[in-house]
Amino acid sequence: MMEDLEKFQNYADAKYASYTIMNTMRSLRHLIKEGVDLNNRESFKNWILKMKRKGVMDKTLNIYLKAYNRYL
């Protein structure tokens, strides 16, 4: 999984601002620690639903959604 993040970072370095890359990588690492398989959309969707049930704000979840979309 971490190899995929390294490949993504190499791609992102050419496309995004360094601050965006830093925040995206932080969000993706957090998702991995939470047990999300970044290569499985269903895994991410289930994590989002679990967080919504816990009461996490949509604004916060949107940050993870944007990071995940960049990764894809």
PDB file of N, CA and C in Angstrom:
ATOM      1  N   MET A   1       0.816  -1.191   0.000  1.00  0.00           N
ATOM      2  CA  MET A   1       0.000   0.000   0.000  1.00  0.00           C
ATOM      3  C   MET A   1       0.865   1.261   0.000  1.00  0.00           C
ATOM      4  N   MET A   2       1.915   1.265   0.792  1.00  0.00           N
ATOM      5  CA  MET A   2       2.779   2.452   0.856  1.00  0.00           C
ATOM      6  C   MET A   2       3.502   2.690  -0.470  1.00  0.00           C
ATOM      7  N   GLU A   3       3.760   1.613  -1.233  1.00  0.00           N
ATOM      8  CA  GLU A   3       4.397   1.783  -2.546  1.00  0.00           C
ATOM      9  C   GLU A   3       3.482   2.585  -3.461  1.00  0.00           C
ATOM     10  N   ASP A   4       2.164   2.330  -3.353  1.00  0.00           N
ATOM     11  CA  ASP A   4       1.201   3.076  -4.148  1.00  0.00           C
ATOM     12  C   ASP A   4       1.234   4.557  -3.786  1.00  0.00           C
ATOM     13  N   LEU A   5       1.412   4.850  -2.493  1.00  0.00           N
ATOM     14  CA  LEU A   5       1.497   6.253  -2.069  1.00  0.00           C
ATOM     15  C   LEU A   5       2.740   6.923  -2.639  1.00  0.00           C
ATOM     16  N   GLU A   6       3.843   6.196  -2.695  1.00  0.00           N
ATOM     17  CA  GLU A   6       5.075   6.759  -3.268  1.00  0.00           C
ATOM     18  C   GLU A   6       4.890   7.063  -4.751  1.00  0.00           C
ATOM     19  N   LYS A   7       4.241   6.167  -5.470  1.00  0.00           N
ATOM     20  CA  LYS A   7       3.966   6.410  -6.893  1.00  0.00           C
ATOM     21  C   LYS A   7       3.067   7.624  -7.050  1.00  0.00           C
ATOM     22  N   PHE A   8       2.045   7.706  -6.188  1.00  0.00           N
ATOM     23  CA  PHE A   8       1.145   8.851  -6.253  1.00  0.00           C
ATOM     24  C   PHE A   8       1.899  10.145  -5.985  1.00  0.00           C
ATOM     25  N   GLN A   9       2.771  10.137  -4.987  1.00  0.00           N
ATOM     26  CA  GLN A   9       3.491  11.364  -4.655  1.00  0.00           C
ATOM     27  C   GLN A   9       4.376  11.804  -5.818  1.00  0.00           C
ATOM     28  N   ASN A  10       5.017  10.871  -6.502  1.00  0.00           N
ATOM     29  CA  ASN A  10       5.827  11.231  -7.666  1.00  0.00           C
ATOM     30  C   ASN A  10       4.980  11.895  -8.735  1.00  0.00           C
ATOM     31  N   TYR A  11       3.782  11.367  -8.963  1.00  0.00           N
ATOM     32  CA  TYR A  11       2.860  11.960  -9.931  1.00  0.00           C
ATOM     33  C   TYR A  11       2.396  13.328  -9.447  1.00  0.00           C
ATOM     34  N   ALA A  12       2.035  13.424  -8.185  1.00  0.00           N
ATOM     35  CA  ALA A  12       1.472  14.650  -7.625  1.00  0.00           C
ATOM     36  C   ALA A  12       2.488  15.783  -7.600  1.00  0.00           C
ATOM     37  N   ASP A  13       3.768  15.466  -7.415  1.00  0.00           N
ATOM     38  CA  ASP A  13       4.801  16.501  -7.371  1.00  0.00           C
ATOM     39  C   ASP A  13       4.786  17.357  -8.629  1.00  0.00           C
ATOM     40  N   ALA A  14       4.453  16.765  -9.754  1.00  0.00           N
ATOM     41  CA  ALA A  14       4.450  17.504 -11.018  1.00  0.00           C
ATOM     42  C   ALA A  14       3.139  18.245 -11.247  1.00  0.00           C
ATOM     43  N   LYS A  15       2.098  17.897 -10.509  1.00  0.00           N
ATOM     44  CA  LYS A  15       0.772  18.419 -10.819  1.00  0.00           C
ATOM     45  C   LYS A  15       0.202  19.380  -9.777  1.00  0.00           C
ATOM     46  N   TYR A  16       0.545  19.202  -8.513  1.00  0.00           N
ATOM     47  CA  TYR A  16      -0.085  19.967  -7.438  1.00  0.00           C
ATOM     48  C   TYR A  16       0.932  20.788  -6.658  1.00  0.00           C
ATOM     49  N   ALA A  17       0.416  21.791  -5.934  1.00  0.00           N
ATOM     50  CA  ALA A  17       1.264  22.600  -5.060  1.00  0.00           C
ATOM     51  C   ALA A  17       1.744  21.737  -3.892  1.00  0.00           C
ATOM     52  N   SER A  18       2.892  22.091  -3.348  1.00  0.00           N
ATOM     53  CA  SER A  18       3.486  21.281  -2.280  1.00  0.00           C
ATOM     54  C   SER A  18       2.570  21.184  -1.053  1.00  0.00           C
ATOM     55  N   TYR A  19       1.860  22.246  -0.720  1.00  0.00           N
ATOM     56  CA  TYR A  19       0.938  22.219   0.426  1.00  0.00           C
ATOM     57  C   TYR A  19      -0.189  21.217   0.175  1.00  0.00           C
ATOM     58  N   THR A  20      -0.705  21.208  -1.036  1.00  0.00           N
ATOM     59  CA  THR A  20      -1.770  20.267  -1.399  1.00  0.00           C
ATOM     60  C   THR A  20      -1.275  18.834  -1.292  1.00  0.00           C
ATOM     61  N   ILE A  21      -0.080  18.586  -1.772  1.00  0.00           N
ATOM     62  CA  ILE A  21       0.500  17.242  -1.716  1.00  0.00           C
ATOM     63  C   ILE A  21       0.683  16.813  -0.266  1.00  0.00           C
ATOM     64  N   MET A  22       1.206  17.709   0.553  1.00  0.00           N
ATOM     65  CA  MET A  22       1.448  17.396   1.957  1.00  0.00           C
ATOM     66  C   MET A  22       0.144  17.008   2.664  1.00  0.00           C
ATOM     67  N   ASN A  23      -0.904  17.792   2.462  1.00  0.00           N
ATOM     68  CA  ASN A  23      -2.189  17.500   3.104  1.00  0.00           C
ATOM     69  C   ASN A  23      -2.830  16.241   2.539  1.00  0.00           C
ATOM     70  N   THR A  24      -2.685  16.024   1.239  1.00  0.00           N
ATOM     71  CA  THR A  24      -3.236  14.820   0.623  1.00  0.00           C
ATOM     72  C   THR A  24      -2.550  13.585   1.172  1.00  0.00           C
ATOM     73  N   MET A  25      -1.241  13.594   1.262  1.00  0.00           N
ATOM     74  CA  MET A  25      -0.503  12.445   1.771  1.00  0.00           C
ATOM     75  C   MET A  25      -0.860  12.181   3.236  1.00  0.00           C
ATOM     76  N   ARG A  26      -1.019  13.237   4.021  1.00  0.00           N
ATOM     77  CA  ARG A  26      -1.400  13.085   5.424  1.00  0.00           C
ATOM     78  C   ARG A  26      -2.777  12.415   5.520  1.00  0.00           C
ATOM     79  N   SER A  27      -3.708  12.859   4.699  1.00  0.00           N
ATOM     80  CA  SER A  27      -5.052  12.279   4.705  1.00  0.00           C
ATOM     81  C   SER A  27      -5.037  10.823   4.255  1.00  0.00           C
ATOM     82  N   LEU A  28      -4.267  10.517   3.217  1.00  0.00           N
ATOM     83  CA  LEU A  28      -4.197   9.140   2.724  1.00  0.00           C
ATOM     84  C   LEU A  28      -3.549   8.212   3.746  1.00  0.00           C
ATOM     85  N   ARG A  29      -2.516   8.688   4.422  1.00  0.00           N
ATOM     86  CA  ARG A  29      -1.883   7.870   5.469  1.00  0.00           C
ATOM     87  C   ARG A  29      -2.868   7.587   6.606  1.00  0.00           C
ATOM     88  N   HIS A  30      -3.659   8.598   6.935  1.00  0.00           N
ATOM     89  CA  HIS A  30      -4.666   8.409   7.983  1.00  0.00           C
ATOM     90  C   HIS A  30      -5.692   7.355   7.550  1.00  0.00           C
ATOM     91  N   LEU A  31      -6.113   7.413   6.300  1.00  0.00           N
ATOM     92  CA  LEU A  31      -7.074   6.425   5.798  1.00  0.00           C
ATOM     93  C   LEU A  31      -6.501   5.016   5.888  1.00  0.00           C
ATOM     94  N   ILE A  32      -5.225   4.868   5.546  1.00  0.00           N
ATOM     95  CA  ILE A  32      -4.575   3.551   5.616  1.00  0.00           C
ATOM     96  C   ILE A  32      -4.548   3.063   7.055  1.00  0.00           C
ATOM     97  N   LYS A  33      -4.201   3.958   7.992  1.00  0.00           N
ATOM     98  CA  LYS A  33      -4.184   3.577   9.410  1.00  0.00           C
ATOM     99  C   LYS A  33      -5.565   3.162   9.898  1.00  0.00           C
ATOM    100  N   GLU A  34      -6.595   3.741   9.313  1.00  0.00           N
ATOM    101  CA  GLU A  34      -7.975   3.409   9.686  1.00  0.00           C
ATOM    102  C   GLU A  34      -8.427   2.095   9.040  1.00  0.00           C
ATOM    103  N   GLY A  35      -7.583   1.523   8.187  1.00  0.00           N
ATOM    104  CA  GLY A  35      -7.909   0.240   7.576  1.00  0.00           C
ATOM    105  C   GLY A  35      -8.551   0.322   6.206  1.00  0.00           C
ATOM    106  N   VAL A  36      -8.531   1.497   5.601  1.00  0.00           N
ATOM    107  CA  VAL A  36      -9.122   1.665   4.270  1.00  0.00           C
ATOM    108  C   VAL A  36      -8.144   1.153   3.218  1.00  0.00           C
ATOM    109  N   ASP A  37      -8.646   0.328   2.307  1.00  0.00           N
ATOM    110  CA  ASP A  37      -7.863  -0.118   1.156  1.00  0.00           C
ATOM    111  C   ASP A  37      -8.050   0.919   0.062  1.00  0.00           C
ATOM    112  N   LEU A  38      -7.022   1.695  -0.228  1.00  0.00           N
ATOM    113  CA  LEU A  38      -7.143   2.792  -1.180  1.00  0.00           C
ATOM    114  C   LEU A  38      -7.468   2.325  -2.594  1.00  0.00           C
ATOM    115  N   ASN A  39      -7.211   1.072  -2.882  1.00  0.00           N
ATOM    116  CA  ASN A  39      -7.495   0.554  -4.217  1.00  0.00           C
ATOM    117  C   ASN A  39      -8.871  -0.100  -4.304  1.00  0.00           C
ATOM    118  N   ASN A  40      -9.685   0.084  -3.269  1.00  0.00           N
ATOM    119  CA  ASN A  40     -11.018  -0.504  -3.222  1.00  0.00           C
ATOM    120  C   ASN A  40     -12.010   0.592  -2.837  1.00  0.00           C
ATOM    121  N   ARG A  41     -12.781   1.050  -3.804  1.00  0.00           N
ATOM    122  CA  ARG A  41     -13.724   2.144  -3.548  1.00  0.00           C
ATOM    123  C   ARG A  41     -14.755   1.784  -2.490  1.00  0.00           C
ATOM    124  N   GLU A  42     -15.157   0.534  -2.465  1.00  0.00           N
ATOM    125  CA  GLU A  42     -16.155   0.090  -1.485  1.00  0.00           C
ATOM    126  C   GLU A  42     -15.613   0.245  -0.058  1.00  0.00           C
ATOM    127  N   SER A  43     -14.323  -0.027   0.118  1.00  0.00           N
ATOM    128  CA  SER A  43     -13.685   0.124   1.420  1.00  0.00           C
ATOM    129  C   SER A  43     -13.753   1.587   1.865  1.00  0.00           C
ATOM    130  N   PHE A  44     -13.473   2.502   0.956  1.00  0.00           N
ATOM    131  CA  PHE A  44     -13.519   3.928   1.275  1.00  0.00           C
ATOM    132  C   PHE A  44     -14.951   4.360   1.568  1.00  0.00           C
ATOM    133  N   LYS A  45     -15.890   3.897   0.754  1.00  0.00           N
ATOM    134  CA  LYS A  45     -17.294   4.243   0.952  1.00  0.00           C
ATOM    135  C   LYS A  45     -17.785   3.774   2.322  1.00  0.00           C
ATOM    136  N   ASN A  46     -17.413   2.561   2.703  1.00  0.00           N
ATOM    137  CA  ASN A  46     -17.812   2.040   4.014  1.00  0.00           C
ATOM    138  C   ASN A  46     -17.213   2.861   5.145  1.00  0.00           C
ATOM    139  N   TRP A  47     -15.975   3.314   4.975  1.00  0.00           N
ATOM    140  CA  TRP A  47     -15.329   4.144   5.994  1.00  0.00           C
ATOM    141  C   TRP A  47     -16.072   5.475   6.140  1.00  0.00           C
ATOM    142  N   ILE A  48     -16.433   6.078   5.011  1.00  0.00           N
ATOM    143  CA  ILE A  48     -17.178   7.341   5.044  1.00  0.00           C
ATOM    144  C   ILE A  48     -18.497   7.157   5.796  1.00  0.00           C
ATOM    145  N   LEU A  49     -19.218   6.087   5.467  1.00  0.00           N
ATOM    146  CA  LEU A  49     -20.504   5.832   6.132  1.00  0.00           C
ATOM    147  C   LEU A  49     -20.318   5.613   7.634  1.00  0.00           C
ATOM    148  N   LYS A  50     -19.252   4.896   8.009  1.00  0.00           N
ATOM    149  CA  LYS A  50     -18.961   4.664   9.424  1.00  0.00           C
ATOM    150  C   LYS A  50     -18.677   5.993  10.142  1.00  0.00           C
ATOM    151  N   MET A  51     -17.927   6.869   9.498  1.00  0.00           N
ATOM    152  CA  MET A  51     -17.607   8.161  10.103  1.00  0.00           C
ATOM    153  C   MET A  51     -18.853   9.037  10.223  1.00  0.00           C
ATOM    154  N   LYS A  52     -19.735   8.981   9.224  1.00  0.00           N
ATOM    155  CA  LYS A  52     -20.978   9.753   9.297  1.00  0.00           C
ATOM    156  C   LYS A  52     -21.824   9.281  10.479  1.00  0.00           C
ATOM    157  N   ARG A  53     -21.872   7.959  10.701  1.00  0.00           N
ATOM    158  CA  ARG A  53     -22.636   7.429  11.836  1.00  0.00           C
ATOM    159  C   ARG A  53     -22.034   7.881  13.162  1.00  0.00           C
ATOM    160  N   LYS A  54     -20.718   8.085  13.177  1.00  0.00           N
ATOM    161  CA  LYS A  54     -20.059   8.567  14.394  1.00  0.00           C
ATOM    162  C   LYS A  54     -20.260  10.057  14.611  1.00  0.00           C
ATOM    163  N   GLY A  55     -20.802  10.747  13.598  1.00  0.00           N
ATOM    164  CA  GLY A  55     -21.082  12.173  13.734  1.00  0.00           C
ATOM    165  C   GLY A  55     -19.990  13.089  13.212  1.00  0.00           C
ATOM    166  N   VAL A  56     -19.069  12.555  12.425  1.00  0.00           N
ATOM    167  CA  VAL A  56     -18.018  13.395  11.845  1.00  0.00           C
ATOM    168  C   VAL A  56     -18.666  14.361  10.852  1.00  0.00           C
ATOM    169  N   MET A  57     -18.240  15.603  10.892  1.00  0.00           N
ATOM    170  CA  MET A  57     -18.835  16.638  10.044  1.00  0.00           C
ATOM    171  C   MET A  57     -18.548  16.373   8.571  1.00  0.00           C
ATOM    172  N   ASP A  58     -19.511  16.743   7.723  1.00  0.00           N
ATOM    173  CA  ASP A  58     -19.350  16.590   6.278  1.00  0.00           C
ATOM    174  C   ASP A  58     -18.141  17.370   5.761  1.00  0.00           C
ATOM    175  N   LYS A  59     -17.887  18.517   6.357  1.00  0.00           N
ATOM    176  CA  LYS A  59     -16.749  19.340   5.942  1.00  0.00           C
ATOM    177  C   LYS A  59     -15.439  18.578   6.131  1.00  0.00           C
ATOM    178  N   THR A  60     -15.320  17.854   7.214  1.00  0.00           N
ATOM    179  CA  THR A  60     -14.125  17.052   7.481  1.00  0.00           C
ATOM    180  C   THR A  60     -14.030  15.893   6.512  1.00  0.00           C
ATOM    181  N   LEU A  61     -15.146  15.210   6.297  1.00  0.00           N
ATOM    182  CA  LEU A  61     -15.149  14.078   5.375  1.00  0.00           C
ATOM    183  C   LEU A  61     -14.835  14.509   3.947  1.00  0.00           C
ATOM    184  N   ASN A  62     -15.213  15.734   3.599  1.00  0.00           N
ATOM    185  CA  ASN A  62     -14.936  16.250   2.269  1.00  0.00           C
ATOM    186  C   ASN A  62     -13.426  16.349   2.023  1.00  0.00           C
ATOM    187  N   ILE A  63     -12.662  16.647   3.052  1.00  0.00           N
ATOM    188  CA  ILE A  63     -11.202  16.709   2.923  1.00  0.00           C
ATOM    189  C   ILE A  63     -10.662  15.345   2.509  1.00  0.00           C
ATOM    190  N   TYR A  64     -11.169  14.291   3.151  1.00  0.00           N
ATOM    191  CA  TYR A  64     -10.734  12.936   2.813  1.00  0.00           C
ATOM    192  C   TYR A  64     -11.222  12.525   1.431  1.00  0.00           C
ATOM    193  N   LEU A  65     -12.416  12.941   1.079  1.00  0.00           N
ATOM    194  CA  LEU A  65     -12.956  12.630  -0.241  1.00  0.00           C
ATOM    195  C   LEU A  65     -12.103  13.260  -1.340  1.00  0.00           C
ATOM    196  N   LYS A  66     -11.705  14.501  -1.140  1.00  0.00           N
ATOM    197  CA  LYS A  66     -10.856  15.177  -2.127  1.00  0.00           C
ATOM    198  C   LYS A  66      -9.501  14.491  -2.241  1.00  0.00           C
ATOM    199  N   ALA A  67      -8.930  14.112  -1.108  1.00  0.00           N
ATOM    200  CA  ALA A  67      -7.624  13.421  -1.126  1.00  0.00           C
ATOM    201  C   ALA A  67      -7.755  12.087  -1.852  1.00  0.00           C
ATOM    202  N   TYR A  68      -8.814  11.364  -1.577  1.00  0.00           N
ATOM    203  CA  TYR A  68      -9.030  10.069  -2.223  1.00  0.00           C
ATOM    204  C   TYR A  68      -9.225  10.227  -3.728  1.00  0.00           C
ATOM    205  N   ASN A  69      -9.981  11.235  -4.112  1.00  0.00           N
ATOM    206  CA  ASN A  69     -10.187  11.501  -5.548  1.00  0.00           C
ATOM    207  C   ASN A  69      -8.865  11.845  -6.240  1.00  0.00           C
ATOM    208  N   ARG A  70      -8.020  12.616  -5.577  1.00  0.00           N
ATOM    209  CA  ARG A  70      -6.707  12.919  -6.160  1.00  0.00           C
ATOM    210  C   ARG A  70      -5.891  11.635  -6.340  1.00  0.00           C
ATOM    211  N   TYR A  71      -5.986  10.762  -5.362  1.00  0.00           N
ATOM    212  CA  TYR A  71      -5.253   9.500  -5.422  1.00  0.00           C
ATOM    213  C   TYR A  71      -5.725   8.643  -6.595  1.00  0.00           C
ATOM    214  N   LEU A  72      -7.038   8.605  -6.780  1.00  0.00           N
ATOM    215  CA  LEU A  72      -7.577   7.795  -7.868  1.00  0.00           C
ATOM    216  C   LEU A  72      -7.186   8.383  -9.209  1.00  0.00           C
TER     217      LEU A  72
END
